[in-house]
Amino acid sequence: MNVSEANSNTAPVAGSNQPDMRPYVIRTYDRWLILILVLAVGWLIFRPLFAFSVYYRGVSYERMLRLNIAEHYYRKSTRVDPKVPDGWLAWGELYLMRAPSDAVAGKEAVRIFSEGLTYNPQFKQLAFDLGRTYFIRKKFRDARIAFERSAQIAPRDMFSWDFAAWSSFHDGNRQLALKYWHQVLKIDPGNATARRAIAQYGT
């Protein structure tokens, strides 16, 4: 039997009542392609929503003080969609809470916030919390860079400028600290902390 004869025994002839003997998947391949396309497009459209729902599940467990389970869901949300910053922020803050007394936790917080920023470079709070972590670890130059980045993302956030000032001051750069405190006063002219710092450390 040649190939043409084999095909004539499986494929139906147009206009005949001969049943189609081909496998079901082959007979309906066009429907499968449409289904795959719909699922792929749906995943791309709703992926951020899925990631946020996983993150919020972590929030629920954190409120119950079940921090290990909360961390699991925060970490999972960053895998579902790393461009949803909420999971990175909540995950990193679990370690930031322990950073003052746990150097390993501080390093992990730095890693999480830094990786989150690579996917979400315009999310101010990730940069700000990265700066807080460095500040707690007394890495004041790295803290200043992080707070400067936070201030660049949100120029009207006086807390970013204030922390950038204190980081500069502790890093030995008094002039830069004064510059940033003056920036705080441009945003909030009545800021007593910035005024005291300028009065005390200004020349």
C-alpha atoms as a PDB file:
ATOM      1  CA  MET A   1       0.000   0.000   0.000  1.00  0.00           C
ATOM      2  CA  ASN A   2       1.482   3.418  -0.950  1.00  0.00           C
ATOM      3  CA  VAL A   3       1.101   6.765   0.869  1.00  0.00           C
ATOM      4  CA  SER A   4      -1.805   7.992  -1.247  1.00  0.00           C
ATOM      5  CA  GLU A   5      -3.717   4.816  -0.534  1.00  0.00           C
ATOM      6  CA  ALA A   6      -3.060   5.140   3.203  1.00  0.00           C
ATOM      7  CA  ASN A   7      -4.320   8.719   3.229  1.00  0.00           C
ATOM      8  CA  SER A   8      -7.436   7.743   1.322  1.00  0.00           C
ATOM      9  CA  ASN A   9      -8.251   5.299   4.112  1.00  0.00           C
ATOM     10  CA  THR A  10      -8.009   7.925   6.895  1.00  0.00           C
ATOM     11  CA  ALA A  11      -8.960  11.344   5.518  1.00  0.00           C
ATOM     12  CA  PRO A  12     -12.578  11.872   4.410  1.00  0.00           C
ATOM     13  CA  VAL A  13     -13.273  12.619   0.777  1.00  0.00           C
ATOM     14  CA  ALA A  14     -14.994  15.940   0.164  1.00  0.00           C
ATOM     15  CA  GLY A  15     -18.695  15.499  -0.413  1.00  0.00           C
ATOM     16  CA  SER A  16     -18.754  11.942   0.960  1.00  0.00           C
ATOM     17  CA  ASN A  17     -20.277  10.528   4.132  1.00  0.00           C
ATOM     18  CA  GLN A  18     -17.085   8.657   5.013  1.00  0.00           C
ATOM     19  CA  PRO A  19     -16.206   9.218   8.719  1.00  0.00           C
ATOM     20  CA  ASP A  20     -12.980  11.044   9.555  1.00  0.00           C
ATOM     21  CA  MET A  21     -10.682   8.441  11.104  1.00  0.00           C
ATOM     22  CA  ARG A  22      -7.885  10.854  12.040  1.00  0.00           C
ATOM     23  CA  PRO A  23      -7.073  11.312  15.760  1.00  0.00           C
ATOM     24  CA  TYR A  24      -9.257  13.832  17.582  1.00  0.00           C
ATOM     25  CA  VAL A  25      -6.374  16.228  18.302  1.00  0.00           C
ATOM     26  CA  ILE A  26      -5.473  16.381  14.619  1.00  0.00           C
ATOM     27  CA  ARG A  27      -9.084  16.917  13.567  1.00  0.00           C
ATOM     28  CA  THR A  28      -9.502  19.791  16.030  1.00  0.00           C
ATOM     29  CA  TYR A  29      -6.014  21.290  15.974  1.00  0.00           C
ATOM     30  CA  ASP A  30      -7.321  24.709  14.947  1.00  0.00           C
ATOM     31  CA  ARG A  31      -9.463  24.861  18.111  1.00  0.00           C
ATOM     32  CA  TRP A  32      -6.483  23.902  20.252  1.00  0.00           C
ATOM     33  CA  LEU A  33      -4.414  26.667  18.697  1.00  0.00           C
ATOM     34  CA  ILE A  34      -7.138  29.205  19.466  1.00  0.00           C
ATOM     35  CA  LEU A  35      -7.408  27.929  23.056  1.00  0.00           C
ATOM     36  CA  ILE A  36      -3.642  28.195  23.576  1.00  0.00           C
ATOM     37  CA  LEU A  37      -3.640  31.699  22.113  1.00  0.00           C
ATOM     38  CA  VAL A  38      -6.513  32.803  24.372  1.00  0.00           C
ATOM     39  CA  LEU A  39      -4.798  31.370  27.464  1.00  0.00           C
ATOM     40  CA  ALA A  40      -1.483  33.034  26.604  1.00  0.00           C
ATOM     41  CA  VAL A  41      -3.079  36.439  26.026  1.00  0.00           C
ATOM     42  CA  GLY A  42      -5.175  36.052  29.184  1.00  0.00           C
ATOM     43  CA  TRP A  43      -2.082  35.267  31.237  1.00  0.00           C
ATOM     44  CA  LEU A  44      -0.293  38.353  29.957  1.00  0.00           C
ATOM     45  CA  ILE A  45      -3.293  40.585  30.645  1.00  0.00           C
ATOM     46  CA  PHE A  46      -4.223  39.223  34.070  1.00  0.00           C
ATOM     47  CA  ARG A  47      -0.737  38.309  35.322  1.00  0.00           C
ATOM     48  CA  PRO A  48      -0.394  41.467  37.462  1.00  0.00           C
ATOM     49  CA  LEU A  49      -3.781  40.752  39.026  1.00  0.00           C
ATOM     50  CA  PHE A  50      -2.752  37.178  39.822  1.00  0.00           C
ATOM     51  CA  ALA A  51       0.488  38.440  41.381  1.00  0.00           C
ATOM     52  CA  PHE A  52      -1.344  41.008  43.511  1.00  0.00           C
ATOM     53  CA  SER A  53      -3.846  38.408  44.732  1.00  0.00           C
ATOM     54  CA  VAL A  54      -0.962  36.145  45.803  1.00  0.00           C
ATOM     55  CA  TYR A  55       0.697  39.107  47.541  1.00  0.00           C
ATOM     56  CA  TYR A  56      -2.516  39.969  49.372  1.00  0.00           C
ATOM     57  CA  ARG A  57      -2.769  36.404  50.609  1.00  0.00           C
ATOM     58  CA  GLY A  58       0.616  36.987  52.199  1.00  0.00           C
ATOM     59  CA  VAL A  59      -0.716  40.163  53.819  1.00  0.00           C
ATOM     60  CA  SER A  60      -3.497  38.122  55.410  1.00  0.00           C
ATOM     61  CA  TYR A  61      -1.002  35.704  56.950  1.00  0.00           C
ATOM     62  CA  GLU A  62       1.255  38.527  58.130  1.00  0.00           C
ATOM     63  CA  ARG A  63      -1.682  40.062  59.982  1.00  0.00           C
ATOM     64  CA  MET A  64      -2.078  36.712  61.739  1.00  0.00           C
ATOM     65  CA  LEU A  65       1.667  36.866  62.587  1.00  0.00           C
ATOM     66  CA  ARG A  66       2.332  33.732  60.532  1.00  0.00           C
ATOM     67  CA  LEU A  67       5.396  35.309  58.998  1.00  0.00           C
ATOM     68  CA  ASN A  68       6.907  32.207  57.375  1.00  0.00           C
ATOM     69  CA  ILE A  69       3.740  31.588  55.379  1.00  0.00           C
ATOM     70  CA  ALA A  70       3.464  35.297  54.577  1.00  0.00           C
ATOM     71  CA  GLU A  71       7.004  35.263  53.222  1.00  0.00           C
ATOM     72  CA  HIS A  72       6.151  32.245  51.055  1.00  0.00           C
ATOM     73  CA  TYR A  73       3.333  34.145  49.363  1.00  0.00           C
ATOM     74  CA  TYR A  74       5.301  37.389  49.015  1.00  0.00           C
ATOM     75  CA  ARG A  75       8.121  35.485  47.345  1.00  0.00           C
ATOM     76  CA  LYS A  76       5.653  33.608  45.147  1.00  0.00           C
ATOM     77  CA  SER A  77       4.021  36.839  44.004  1.00  0.00           C
ATOM     78  CA  THR A  78       7.390  38.096  42.721  1.00  0.00           C
ATOM     79  CA  ARG A  79       7.684  34.932  40.638  1.00  0.00           C
ATOM     80  CA  VAL A  80       4.184  35.321  39.210  1.00  0.00           C
ATOM     81  CA  ASP A  81       4.988  38.851  38.044  1.00  0.00           C
ATOM     82  CA  PRO A  82       8.222  40.522  39.192  1.00  0.00           C
ATOM     83  CA  LYS A  83       6.974  43.866  37.871  1.00  0.00           C
ATOM     84  CA  VAL A  84       4.373  44.088  40.625  1.00  0.00           C
ATOM     85  CA  PRO A  85       6.401  45.832  43.375  1.00  0.00           C
ATOM     86  CA  ASP A  86       4.147  45.100  46.348  1.00  0.00           C
ATOM     87  CA  GLY A  87       5.471  41.569  46.823  1.00  0.00           C
ATOM     88  CA  TRP A  88       9.100  42.726  46.784  1.00  0.00           C
ATOM     89  CA  LEU A  89       8.354  45.490  49.272  1.00  0.00           C
ATOM     90  CA  ALA A  90       6.478  43.306  51.765  1.00  0.00           C
ATOM     91  CA  TRP A  91       9.016  40.483  51.436  1.00  0.00           C
ATOM     92  CA  GLY A  92      11.949  42.805  52.038  1.00  0.00           C
ATOM     93  CA  GLU A  93      10.285  44.507  54.988  1.00  0.00           C
ATOM     94  CA  LEU A  94       9.990  41.165  56.782  1.00  0.00           C
ATOM     95  CA  TYR A  95      13.792  41.120  56.846  1.00  0.00           C
ATOM     96  CA  LEU A  96      14.145  44.858  57.406  1.00  0.00           C
ATOM     97  CA  MET A  97      12.285  44.450  60.714  1.00  0.00           C
ATOM     98  CA  ARG A  98      15.063  42.137  61.918  1.00  0.00           C
ATOM     99  CA  ALA A  99      17.966  44.042  60.386  1.00  0.00           C
ATOM    100  CA  PRO A 100      18.884  46.103  63.506  1.00  0.00           C
ATOM    101  CA  SER A 101      19.834  42.948  65.427  1.00  0.00           C
ATOM    102  CA  ASP A 102      20.446  40.447  62.618  1.00  0.00           C
ATOM    103  CA  ALA A 103      23.159  41.129  60.045  1.00  0.00           C
ATOM    104  CA  VAL A 104      22.083  38.200  57.876  1.00  0.00           C
ATOM    105  CA  ALA A 105      18.538  39.559  57.732  1.00  0.00           C
ATOM    106  CA  GLY A 106      19.934  42.958  56.773  1.00  0.00           C
ATOM    107  CA  LYS A 107      21.868  41.468  53.854  1.00  0.00           C
ATOM    108  CA  GLU A 108      18.798  39.595  52.682  1.00  0.00           C
ATOM    109  CA  ALA A 109      16.714  42.774  52.833  1.00  0.00           C
ATOM    110  CA  VAL A 110      19.300  44.543  50.678  1.00  0.00           C
ATOM    111  CA  ARG A 111      19.200  41.689  48.164  1.00  0.00           C
ATOM    112  CA  ILE A 112      15.394  41.676  47.957  1.00  0.00           C
ATOM    113  CA  PHE A 113      14.984  45.444  47.638  1.00  0.00           C
ATOM    114  CA  SER A 114      17.798  45.645  45.075  1.00  0.00           C
ATOM    115  CA  GLU A 115      16.340  42.877  42.936  1.00  0.00           C
ATOM    116  CA  GLY A 116      12.880  44.409  43.209  1.00  0.00           C
ATOM    117  CA  LEU A 117      14.278  47.718  41.963  1.00  0.00           C
ATOM    118  CA  THR A 118      15.722  46.075  38.853  1.00  0.00           C
ATOM    119  CA  TYR A 119      12.167  45.143  37.855  1.00  0.00           C
ATOM    120  CA  ASN A 120      10.502  48.276  39.267  1.00  0.00           C
ATOM    121  CA  PRO A 121      13.043  51.094  38.861  1.00  0.00           C
ATOM    122  CA  GLN A 122      10.454  53.851  39.371  1.00  0.00           C
ATOM    123  CA  PHE A 123       8.920  52.514  42.581  1.00  0.00           C
ATOM    124  CA  LYS A 124      10.062  54.986  45.208  1.00  0.00           C
ATOM    125  CA  GLN A 125       9.360  52.930  48.307  1.00  0.00           C
ATOM    126  CA  LEU A 126      11.722  50.140  47.250  1.00  0.00           C
ATOM    127  CA  ALA A 127      14.567  52.640  46.915  1.00  0.00           C
ATOM    128  CA  PHE A 128      13.622  54.281  50.207  1.00  0.00           C
ATOM    129  CA  ASP A 129      13.545  50.979  52.108  1.00  0.00           C
ATOM    130  CA  LEU A 130      16.835  49.985  50.529  1.00  0.00           C
ATOM    131  CA  GLY A 131      18.279  53.189  51.929  1.00  0.00           C
ATOM    132  CA  ARG A 132      16.785  52.474  55.356  1.00  0.00           C
ATOM    133  CA  THR A 133      18.386  49.045  55.359  1.00  0.00           C
ATOM    134  CA  TYR A 134      21.803  50.440  54.483  1.00  0.00           C
ATOM    135  CA  PHE A 135      21.380  53.164  57.107  1.00  0.00           C
ATOM    136  CA  ILE A 136      20.592  50.602  59.804  1.00  0.00           C
ATOM    137  CA  ARG A 137      23.672  48.629  58.757  1.00  0.00           C
ATOM    138  CA  LYS A 138      25.721  51.865  58.973  1.00  0.00           C
ATOM    139  CA  LYS A 139      26.635  51.715  55.301  1.00  0.00           C
ATOM    140  CA  PHE A 140      26.001  55.415  54.959  1.00  0.00           C
ATOM    141  CA  ARG A 141      27.404  55.972  51.480  1.00  0.00           C
ATOM    142  CA  ASP A 142      25.217  53.218  50.033  1.00  0.00           C
ATOM    143  CA  ALA A 143      22.312  54.624  52.044  1.00  0.00           C
ATOM    144  CA  ARG A 144      22.850  58.087  50.574  1.00  0.00           C
ATOM    145  CA  ILE A 145      22.826  56.688  47.024  1.00  0.00           C
ATOM    146  CA  ALA A 146      19.600  54.824  47.690  1.00  0.00           C
ATOM    147  CA  PHE A 147      17.910  57.858  49.260  1.00  0.00           C
ATOM    148  CA  GLU A 148      19.076  60.055  46.385  1.00  0.00           C
ATOM    149  CA  ARG A 149      17.448  57.597  44.005  1.00  0.00           C
ATOM    150  CA  SER A 150      14.268  57.698  46.073  1.00  0.00           C
ATOM    151  CA  ALA A 151      14.317  61.506  45.966  1.00  0.00           C
ATOM    152  CA  GLN A 152      14.852  61.510  42.214  1.00  0.00           C
ATOM    153  CA  ILE A 153      11.794  59.305  41.758  1.00  0.00           C
ATOM    154  CA  ALA A 154       9.694  61.461  44.120  1.00  0.00           C
ATOM    155  CA  PRO A 155      11.291  64.927  44.311  1.00  0.00           C
ATOM    156  CA  ARG A 156       8.604  66.247  46.680  1.00  0.00           C
ATOM    157  CA  ASP A 157       9.244  63.547  49.281  1.00  0.00           C
ATOM    158  CA  MET A 158      11.051  65.440  52.044  1.00  0.00           C
ATOM    159  CA  PHE A 159      11.809  62.237  53.960  1.00  0.00           C
ATOM    160  CA  SER A 160      14.018  60.977  51.133  1.00  0.00           C
ATOM    161  CA  TRP A 161      15.953  64.249  51.159  1.00  0.00           C
ATOM    162  CA  ASP A 162      16.189  64.268  54.960  1.00  0.00           C
ATOM    163  CA  PHE A 163      17.547  60.717  55.091  1.00  0.00           C
ATOM    164  CA  ALA A 164      19.915  61.544  52.234  1.00  0.00           C
ATOM    165  CA  ALA A 165      21.146  64.455  54.358  1.00  0.00           C
ATOM    166  CA  TRP A 166      21.730  62.344  57.465  1.00  0.00           C
ATOM    167  CA  SER A 167      23.415  59.637  55.407  1.00  0.00           C
ATOM    168  CA  SER A 168      25.731  62.250  53.892  1.00  0.00           C
ATOM    169  CA  PHE A 169      26.430  63.701  57.328  1.00  0.00           C
ATOM    170  CA  HIS A 170      27.355  60.327  58.832  1.00  0.00           C
ATOM    171  CA  ASP A 171      29.481  59.589  55.770  1.00  0.00           C
ATOM    172  CA  GLY A 172      31.489  62.725  56.517  1.00  0.00           C
ATOM    173  CA  ASN A 173      30.081  64.944  53.755  1.00  0.00           C
ATOM    174  CA  ARG A 174      28.672  67.861  55.721  1.00  0.00           C
ATOM    175  CA  GLN A 175      28.272  70.197  52.747  1.00  0.00           C
ATOM    176  CA  LEU A 176      26.143  67.691  50.868  1.00  0.00           C
ATOM    177  CA  ALA A 177      24.089  67.116  54.008  1.00  0.00           C
ATOM    178  CA  LEU A 178      23.433  70.855  54.305  1.00  0.00           C
ATOM    179  CA  LYS A 179      22.438  70.982  50.648  1.00  0.00           C
ATOM    180  CA  TYR A 180      19.856  68.253  51.194  1.00  0.00           C
ATOM    181  CA  TRP A 181      18.505  69.866  54.376  1.00  0.00           C
ATOM    182  CA  HIS A 182      17.973  73.056  52.411  1.00  0.00           C
ATOM    183  CA  GLN A 183      16.069  70.943  49.903  1.00  0.00           C
ATOM    184  CA  VAL A 184      13.863  69.748  52.756  1.00  0.00           C
ATOM    185  CA  LEU A 185      13.106  73.370  53.654  1.00  0.00           C
ATOM    186  CA  LYS A 186      12.114  74.121  50.065  1.00  0.00           C
ATOM    187  CA  ILE A 187       9.446  71.447  50.395  1.00  0.00           C
ATOM    188  CA  ASP A 188       8.519  72.172  54.012  1.00  0.00           C
ATOM    189  CA  PRO A 189       9.722  75.623  55.134  1.00  0.00           C
ATOM    190  CA  GLY A 190       8.618  74.942  58.686  1.00  0.00           C
ATOM    191  CA  ASN A 191      10.554  71.698  59.103  1.00  0.00           C
ATOM    192  CA  ALA A 192      12.118  72.065  62.562  1.00  0.00           C
ATOM    193  CA  THR A 193      14.548  69.134  62.216  1.00  0.00           C
ATOM    194  CA  ALA A 194      16.136  70.526  59.055  1.00  0.00           C
ATOM    195  CA  ARG A 195      16.356  74.022  60.549  1.00  0.00           C
ATOM    196  CA  ARG A 196      18.076  72.722  63.691  1.00  0.00           C
ATOM    197  CA  ALA A 197      20.529  70.679  61.638  1.00  0.00           C
ATOM    198  CA  ILE A 198      21.431  73.652  59.444  1.00  0.00           C
ATOM    199  CA  ALA A 199      21.798  75.887  62.500  1.00  0.00           C
ATOM    200  CA  GLN A 200      23.970  73.344  64.284  1.00  0.00           C
ATOM    201  CA  TYR A 201      26.140  72.075  61.443  1.00  0.00           C
ATOM    202  CA  GLY A 202      26.064  74.964  58.963  1.00  0.00           C
ATOM    203  CA  THR A 203      28.968  77.254  58.457  1.00  0.00           C
END
